[in-house]
Amino acid sequence: MLIFATATFAIITASPLLWMVSASLKEPAEIFNSSLIPQHPSLQLAIASFQGQYSAAWNYIMAASVVVALPTLVLFFLFQRQLVESIKTSGIK
């Protein structure tokens, strides 16, 4: 029973961490600071800064989007087996 709980616990633990890392340009040590006022723009705003009024640097926008998505993809591939096993054992028919 504990084996099935580990995948759920890993996802519940990793989700807020990924959200905090992807939503800021801070270093990881600064993310866990108790300051509630953001000092840096979010990554979405940084990516949006590559778009001007009349043009867009699509190569930079796409490259930054891939870099932002990489931590989520890495965690998915690391915990893919546990995720599939927990779905299989949950009783979905």
N, C-alpha and C. Protein backbone atom coordinates (compact mmCIF):
# COMPACT_ATOMS: atom_id res chain seq x y z
N MET A 1 0.83 -1.19 0.00
CA MET A 1 0.00 0.00 0.00
C MET A 1 0.87 1.26 0.00
N LEU A 2 2.00 1.18 0.68
CA LEU A 2 2.89 2.33 0.75
C LEU A 2 3.51 2.64 -0.61
N ILE A 3 3.69 1.62 -1.43
CA ILE A 3 4.27 1.82 -2.76
C ILE A 3 3.38 2.71 -3.60
N PHE A 4 2.08 2.54 -3.49
CA PHE A 4 1.16 3.34 -4.29
C PHE A 4 1.09 4.78 -3.79
N ALA A 5 1.34 4.97 -2.51
CA ALA A 5 1.30 6.31 -1.95
C ALA A 5 2.54 7.12 -2.34
N THR A 6 3.63 6.46 -2.69
CA THR A 6 4.85 7.21 -3.00
C THR A 6 4.71 8.04 -4.27
N ALA A 7 4.04 7.51 -5.28
CA ALA A 7 3.86 8.27 -6.51
C ALA A 7 2.97 9.49 -6.26
N THR A 8 1.92 9.28 -5.50
CA THR A 8 1.03 10.40 -5.17
C THR A 8 1.76 11.44 -4.35
N PHE A 9 2.53 10.99 -3.38
CA PHE A 9 3.30 11.92 -2.54
C PHE A 9 4.33 12.67 -3.37
N ALA A 10 4.97 11.99 -4.31
CA ALA A 10 5.97 12.65 -5.16
C ALA A 10 5.33 13.72 -6.02
N ILE A 11 4.16 13.44 -6.57
CA ILE A 11 3.49 14.43 -7.42
C ILE A 11 3.01 15.61 -6.58
N ILE A 12 2.46 15.33 -5.41
CA ILE A 12 1.98 16.41 -4.55
C ILE A 12 3.14 17.28 -4.07
N THR A 13 4.28 16.68 -3.84
CA THR A 13 5.45 17.43 -3.39
C THR A 13 6.08 18.21 -4.54
N ALA A 14 6.15 17.61 -5.72
CA ALA A 14 6.85 18.24 -6.84
C ALA A 14 6.05 19.36 -7.50
N SER A 15 4.74 19.27 -7.47
CA SER A 15 3.93 20.27 -8.17
C SER A 15 4.14 21.69 -7.66
N PRO A 16 4.04 21.95 -6.35
CA PRO A 16 4.30 23.33 -5.90
C PRO A 16 5.74 23.77 -6.14
N LEU A 17 6.67 22.85 -6.03
CA LEU A 17 8.07 23.20 -6.27
C LEU A 17 8.27 23.61 -7.73
N LEU A 18 7.70 22.86 -8.66
CA LEU A 18 7.81 23.23 -10.07
C LEU A 18 7.12 24.55 -10.34
N TRP A 19 5.99 24.79 -9.69
CA TRP A 19 5.28 26.05 -9.88
C TRP A 19 6.14 27.22 -9.40
N MET A 20 6.77 27.06 -8.24
CA MET A 20 7.59 28.15 -7.71
C MET A 20 8.80 28.41 -8.60
N VAL A 21 9.43 27.36 -9.08
CA VAL A 21 10.62 27.53 -9.91
C VAL A 21 10.24 28.14 -11.26
N SER A 22 9.15 27.67 -11.87
CA SER A 22 8.80 28.17 -13.20
C SER A 22 8.15 29.55 -13.14
N ALA A 23 7.67 29.97 -11.99
CA ALA A 23 7.00 31.26 -11.89
C ALA A 23 7.94 32.39 -11.48
N SER A 24 9.21 32.11 -11.37
CA SER A 24 10.11 33.17 -10.95
C SER A 24 11.46 33.02 -11.62
N LEU A 25 12.18 34.11 -11.63
CA LEU A 25 13.54 34.09 -12.15
C LEU A 25 14.55 34.08 -11.02
N LYS A 26 14.08 33.79 -9.82
CA LYS A 26 14.96 33.80 -8.66
C LYS A 26 15.80 32.54 -8.62
N GLU A 27 16.85 32.61 -7.83
CA GLU A 27 17.63 31.42 -7.56
C GLU A 27 16.84 30.54 -6.60
N PRO A 28 17.10 29.21 -6.59
CA PRO A 28 16.34 28.34 -5.70
C PRO A 28 16.42 28.74 -4.22
N ALA A 29 17.54 29.28 -3.78
CA ALA A 29 17.66 29.70 -2.38
C ALA A 29 16.74 30.87 -2.07
N GLU A 30 16.48 31.71 -3.06
CA GLU A 30 15.61 32.86 -2.84
C GLU A 30 14.14 32.50 -2.92
N ILE A 31 13.81 31.36 -3.53
CA ILE A 31 12.41 30.98 -3.69
C ILE A 31 11.77 30.74 -2.33
N PHE A 32 12.52 30.13 -1.41
CA PHE A 32 11.97 29.77 -0.12
C PHE A 32 12.09 30.88 0.91
N ASN A 33 12.43 32.08 0.45
CA ASN A 33 12.47 33.25 1.31
C ASN A 33 11.04 33.61 1.71
N SER A 34 10.86 34.22 2.86
CA SER A 34 9.51 34.50 3.34
C SER A 34 8.92 35.77 2.73
N SER A 35 9.60 36.41 1.83
CA SER A 35 9.09 37.63 1.22
C SER A 35 7.90 37.31 0.32
N LEU A 36 6.80 38.02 0.50
CA LEU A 36 5.60 37.79 -0.30
C LEU A 36 5.53 38.71 -1.51
N ILE A 37 6.37 39.73 -1.55
CA ILE A 37 6.36 40.67 -2.67
C ILE A 37 7.38 40.20 -3.69
N PRO A 38 6.95 39.88 -4.92
CA PRO A 38 7.91 39.39 -5.91
C PRO A 38 8.90 40.47 -6.32
N GLN A 39 10.17 40.11 -6.35
CA GLN A 39 11.22 41.04 -6.72
C GLN A 39 11.58 40.92 -8.20
N HIS A 40 11.24 39.79 -8.81
CA HIS A 40 11.60 39.53 -10.20
C HIS A 40 10.34 39.20 -10.99
N PRO A 41 10.33 39.47 -12.27
CA PRO A 41 9.15 39.10 -13.07
C PRO A 41 9.06 37.59 -13.26
N SER A 42 7.88 37.11 -13.55
CA SER A 42 7.72 35.68 -13.79
C SER A 42 8.35 35.31 -15.14
N LEU A 43 8.55 34.02 -15.34
CA LEU A 43 9.13 33.57 -16.61
C LEU A 43 8.20 33.86 -17.78
N GLN A 44 6.89 33.83 -17.54
CA GLN A 44 5.95 34.13 -18.60
C GLN A 44 6.11 35.58 -19.06
N LEU A 45 6.32 36.49 -18.13
CA LEU A 45 6.53 37.89 -18.51
C LEU A 45 7.87 38.08 -19.21
N ALA A 46 8.87 37.32 -18.78
CA ALA A 46 10.17 37.42 -19.44
C ALA A 46 10.08 36.92 -20.89
N ILE A 47 9.33 35.83 -21.10
CA ILE A 47 9.14 35.32 -22.45
C ILE A 47 8.35 36.32 -23.28
N ALA A 48 7.35 36.95 -22.68
CA ALA A 48 6.54 37.93 -23.40
C ALA A 48 7.35 39.16 -23.79
N SER A 49 8.45 39.41 -23.09
CA SER A 49 9.26 40.58 -23.42
C SER A 49 9.98 40.42 -24.76
N PHE A 50 10.04 39.19 -25.28
CA PHE A 50 10.64 38.96 -26.59
C PHE A 50 9.71 39.40 -27.72
N GLN A 51 8.49 39.76 -27.40
CA GLN A 51 7.52 40.16 -28.41
C GLN A 51 7.36 41.68 -28.37
N GLY A 52 7.61 42.30 -29.50
CA GLY A 52 7.47 43.74 -29.61
C GLY A 52 6.11 44.11 -30.17
N GLN A 53 5.93 45.39 -30.46
CA GLN A 53 4.65 45.85 -31.00
C GLN A 53 4.44 45.36 -32.43
N TYR A 54 5.49 45.37 -33.22
CA TYR A 54 5.35 45.01 -34.62
C TYR A 54 6.10 43.74 -35.02
N SER A 55 6.87 43.19 -34.13
CA SER A 55 7.62 41.99 -34.47
C SER A 55 7.79 41.13 -33.23
N ALA A 56 8.20 39.91 -33.47
CA ALA A 56 8.45 38.98 -32.36
C ALA A 56 9.68 38.15 -32.70
N ALA A 57 10.50 37.92 -31.71
CA ALA A 57 11.67 37.06 -31.87
C ALA A 57 11.24 35.63 -31.55
N TRP A 58 10.61 34.97 -32.54
CA TRP A 58 10.02 33.66 -32.30
C TRP A 58 11.05 32.62 -31.92
N ASN A 59 12.26 32.74 -32.43
CA ASN A 59 13.28 31.76 -32.05
C ASN A 59 13.60 31.84 -30.56
N TYR A 60 13.66 33.05 -30.01
CA TYR A 60 13.91 33.20 -28.57
C TYR A 60 12.70 32.79 -27.75
N ILE A 61 11.52 33.07 -28.24
CA ILE A 61 10.30 32.70 -27.52
C ILE A 61 10.19 31.18 -27.44
N MET A 62 10.42 30.49 -28.52
CA MET A 62 10.32 29.03 -28.52
C MET A 62 11.43 28.40 -27.67
N ALA A 63 12.64 28.94 -27.75
CA ALA A 63 13.74 28.39 -26.95
C ALA A 63 13.47 28.58 -25.46
N ALA A 64 12.96 29.75 -25.07
CA ALA A 64 12.66 29.99 -23.67
C ALA A 64 11.51 29.12 -23.20
N SER A 65 10.53 28.88 -24.06
CA SER A 65 9.41 28.01 -23.69
C SER A 65 9.87 26.58 -23.45
N VAL A 66 10.80 26.10 -24.26
CA VAL A 66 11.33 24.75 -24.07
C VAL A 66 12.11 24.67 -22.75
N VAL A 67 12.89 25.68 -22.46
CA VAL A 67 13.68 25.69 -21.21
C VAL A 67 12.75 25.71 -20.00
N VAL A 68 11.65 26.43 -20.08
CA VAL A 68 10.70 26.49 -18.97
C VAL A 68 9.99 25.15 -18.80
N ALA A 69 9.72 24.44 -19.88
CA ALA A 69 9.00 23.17 -19.81
C ALA A 69 9.89 21.99 -19.42
N LEU A 70 11.19 22.12 -19.51
CA LEU A 70 12.09 20.99 -19.25
C LEU A 70 11.98 20.40 -17.84
N PRO A 71 11.92 21.19 -16.76
CA PRO A 71 11.82 20.55 -15.44
C PRO A 71 10.58 19.69 -15.28
N THR A 72 9.46 20.11 -15.84
CA THR A 72 8.24 19.32 -15.76
C THR A 72 8.39 18.02 -16.54
N LEU A 73 8.98 18.09 -17.72
CA LEU A 73 9.18 16.89 -18.52
C LEU A 73 10.14 15.92 -17.85
N VAL A 74 11.20 16.43 -17.24
CA VAL A 74 12.16 15.57 -16.56
C VAL A 74 11.49 14.84 -15.41
N LEU A 75 10.70 15.56 -14.61
CA LEU A 75 10.01 14.90 -13.49
C LEU A 75 8.98 13.89 -13.99
N PHE A 76 8.31 14.19 -15.09
CA PHE A 76 7.36 13.22 -15.63
C PHE A 76 8.07 11.94 -16.03
N PHE A 77 9.19 12.06 -16.74
CA PHE A 77 9.90 10.86 -17.18
C PHE A 77 10.53 10.11 -16.02
N LEU A 78 10.93 10.82 -14.96
CA LEU A 78 11.48 10.14 -13.79
C LEU A 78 10.41 9.33 -13.05
N PHE A 79 9.21 9.86 -12.94
CA PHE A 79 8.15 9.22 -12.17
C PHE A 79 7.06 8.60 -13.05
N GLN A 80 7.36 8.36 -14.31
CA GLN A 80 6.36 7.82 -15.23
C GLN A 80 5.89 6.44 -14.79
N ARG A 81 6.80 5.59 -14.39
CA ARG A 81 6.42 4.24 -13.99
C ARG A 81 5.51 4.26 -12.77
N GLN A 82 5.84 5.09 -11.76
CA GLN A 82 5.00 5.17 -10.58
C GLN A 82 3.63 5.76 -10.91
N LEU A 83 3.60 6.73 -11.81
CA LEU A 83 2.33 7.34 -12.20
C LEU A 83 1.43 6.33 -12.91
N VAL A 84 1.99 5.57 -13.83
CA VAL A 84 1.21 4.57 -14.55
C VAL A 84 0.74 3.48 -13.61
N GLU A 85 1.60 3.04 -12.71
CA GLU A 85 1.20 2.00 -11.75
C GLU A 85 0.09 2.47 -10.84
N SER A 86 0.15 3.72 -10.40
CA SER A 86 -0.90 4.22 -9.51
C SER A 86 -2.22 4.37 -10.25
N ILE A 87 -2.17 4.70 -11.53
CA ILE A 87 -3.41 4.77 -12.32
C ILE A 87 -3.97 3.37 -12.55
N LYS A 88 -3.10 2.39 -12.82
CA LYS A 88 -3.56 1.03 -13.05
C LYS A 88 -4.21 0.45 -11.82
N THR A 89 -3.68 0.73 -10.65
CA THR A 89 -4.20 0.13 -9.43
C THR A 89 -5.34 0.92 -8.81
N SER A 90 -5.67 2.07 -9.38
CA SER A 90 -6.73 2.88 -8.78
C SER A 90 -8.13 2.35 -9.11
N GLY A 91 -8.23 1.39 -10.00
CA GLY A 91 -9.53 0.81 -10.29
C GLY A 91 -10.18 1.35 -11.53
N ILE A 92 -9.44 2.07 -12.35
CA ILE A 92 -10.00 2.56 -13.60
C ILE A 92 -10.16 1.36 -14.54
N LYS A 93 -11.38 1.18 -15.04
CA LYS A 93 -11.63 0.02 -15.90
C LYS A 93 -11.87 0.43 -17.32
